[in-house]
Amino acid sequence: MKRKLEHIKNKLHIKKNDLVEVNTGEEKGRRGRVLEIILEKRTAIVEGINLVKKHQRARSQTQPAGIITKPASINISNLVLICPKCGKKTKIKREKIEKKRTRICKECGEIIE
């Protein structure tokens, strides 16, 4: 199972801390930073996007009871990568540079870290 998840991870065009824009749905056109990738479901949690309200019971003094707002996951196919150099929506191409696979912006040709 772990090997299968590694295979999925290598095929994804989005990584943690990437700037992305939503393609479809209610949040279309909004941008945010990726906080977490969930490989099993092929979804991502994006900062400030797809916010849901959760009723939470008090767990301790630090976590009081109440209604909290938190981001829910969104399918990776609904996200487009934003190039940090040119600031445009872009697809990526992968190349091996110095024996390491890197992502390259198809718009401006810069390496995306």
Protein backbone atom coordinates (compact mmCIF):
# COMPACT_ATOMS: atom_id res chain seq x y z
CA MET A 1 0.00 0.00 0.00
CA LYS A 2 2.80 2.41 0.88
CA ARG A 3 4.49 1.80 -2.47
CA LYS A 4 1.23 2.57 -4.27
CA LEU A 5 0.91 5.88 -2.40
CA GLU A 6 4.48 6.82 -3.37
CA HIS A 7 3.55 6.15 -7.01
CA ILE A 8 0.53 8.47 -6.68
CA LYS A 9 2.66 11.14 -4.99
CA ASN A 10 5.10 11.20 -7.93
CA LYS A 11 2.28 11.76 -10.45
CA LEU A 12 0.64 14.73 -8.71
CA HIS A 13 1.25 18.19 -10.17
CA ILE A 14 0.65 19.94 -6.85
CA LYS A 15 2.71 19.82 -3.66
CA LYS A 16 2.39 21.27 -0.18
CA ASN A 17 2.89 25.08 0.01
CA ASP A 18 2.09 25.60 -3.71
CA LEU A 19 -0.14 28.50 -4.71
CA VAL A 20 -3.22 27.16 -6.53
CA GLU A 21 -6.44 28.43 -8.08
CA VAL A 22 -9.80 26.62 -8.04
CA ASN A 23 -11.15 25.62 -11.48
CA THR A 24 -14.71 24.60 -10.72
CA GLY A 25 -17.44 24.84 -8.14
CA GLU A 26 -18.55 27.54 -5.70
CA GLU A 27 -15.01 28.69 -5.03
CA LYS A 28 -14.08 29.08 -8.74
CA GLY A 29 -11.38 31.69 -9.33
CA ARG A 30 -10.18 31.90 -5.72
CA ARG A 31 -6.52 31.38 -4.88
CA GLY A 32 -4.91 29.85 -1.82
CA ARG A 33 -1.88 27.98 -0.52
CA VAL A 34 -1.95 24.18 -0.17
CA LEU A 35 -1.77 23.19 3.51
CA GLU A 36 -1.94 19.41 3.14
CA ILE A 37 -2.19 16.68 0.48
CA ILE A 38 -4.26 13.54 1.23
CA LEU A 39 -2.84 10.86 -1.08
CA GLU A 40 -5.44 8.16 -0.37
CA LYS A 41 -8.31 10.36 -1.57
CA ARG A 42 -6.29 12.47 -4.06
CA THR A 43 -7.49 15.63 -2.37
CA ALA A 44 -5.86 18.73 -0.95
CA ILE A 45 -6.67 21.14 1.85
CA VAL A 46 -6.27 24.73 0.65
CA GLU A 47 -6.01 27.72 2.97
CA GLY A 48 -9.23 29.77 2.99
CA ILE A 49 -11.02 27.61 0.40
CA ASN A 50 -14.00 25.26 0.92
CA LEU A 51 -14.58 26.35 4.53
CA VAL A 52 -17.06 24.29 6.56
CA LYS A 53 -18.54 24.84 10.01
CA LYS A 54 -18.05 22.12 12.60
CA HIS A 55 -19.84 21.82 15.92
CA GLN A 56 -17.19 20.85 18.45
CA ARG A 57 -17.57 19.51 21.95
CA ALA A 58 -15.22 20.80 24.65
CA ARG A 59 -12.17 18.53 24.93
CA SER A 60 -10.06 20.48 27.41
CA GLN A 61 -9.37 24.01 28.64
CA THR A 62 -7.47 24.81 25.44
CA GLN A 63 -10.22 23.50 23.12
CA PRO A 64 -13.51 25.06 24.18
CA ALA A 65 -16.91 24.03 22.83
CA GLY A 66 -18.51 25.92 19.97
CA ILE A 67 -18.84 26.20 16.22
CA ILE A 68 -15.48 26.36 14.47
CA THR A 69 -14.72 27.08 10.81
CA LYS A 70 -12.10 24.93 9.12
CA PRO A 71 -11.06 24.18 5.53
CA ALA A 72 -12.34 20.93 4.00
CA SER A 73 -10.55 18.96 1.30
CA ILE A 74 -11.01 19.60 -2.43
CA ASN A 75 -10.19 17.23 -5.29
CA ILE A 76 -6.78 17.85 -6.87
CA SER A 77 -8.29 17.73 -10.37
CA ASN A 78 -10.20 20.93 -9.51
CA LEU A 79 -6.98 22.86 -8.76
CA VAL A 80 -4.56 24.61 -11.13
CA LEU A 81 -0.99 25.46 -10.18
CA ILE A 82 0.03 29.15 -10.19
CA CYS A 83 3.65 29.74 -11.22
CA PRO A 84 5.50 31.69 -8.50
CA LYS A 85 7.68 33.45 -11.10
CA CYS A 86 5.18 34.64 -13.73
CA GLY A 87 1.99 34.50 -11.60
CA LYS A 88 -0.08 32.78 -14.32
CA LYS A 89 -2.06 29.53 -14.29
CA THR A 90 0.21 26.86 -15.70
CA LYS A 91 0.70 23.22 -16.48
CA ILE A 92 3.99 21.60 -15.60
CA LYS A 93 6.46 19.42 -17.40
CA ARG A 94 8.92 17.17 -15.61
CA GLU A 95 12.59 16.89 -16.46
CA LYS A 96 15.60 15.33 -14.80
CA ILE A 97 18.15 17.96 -13.86
CA GLU A 98 21.25 16.72 -12.01
CA LYS A 99 19.61 13.30 -11.40
CA LYS A 100 16.63 14.93 -9.69
CA ARG A 101 13.11 15.21 -11.12
CA THR A 102 12.00 18.83 -11.25
CA ARG A 103 8.79 20.61 -12.20
CA ILE A 104 9.09 23.24 -14.92
CA CYS A 105 6.50 25.91 -15.80
CA LYS A 106 5.28 25.58 -19.40
CA GLU A 107 4.50 29.32 -19.56
CA CYS A 108 7.85 30.84 -18.62
CA GLY A 109 10.21 27.83 -18.48
CA GLU A 110 11.31 28.45 -14.86
CA ILE A 111 11.89 25.67 -12.34
CA ILE A 112 9.15 25.38 -9.69
CA GLU A 113 10.50 24.34 -6.30
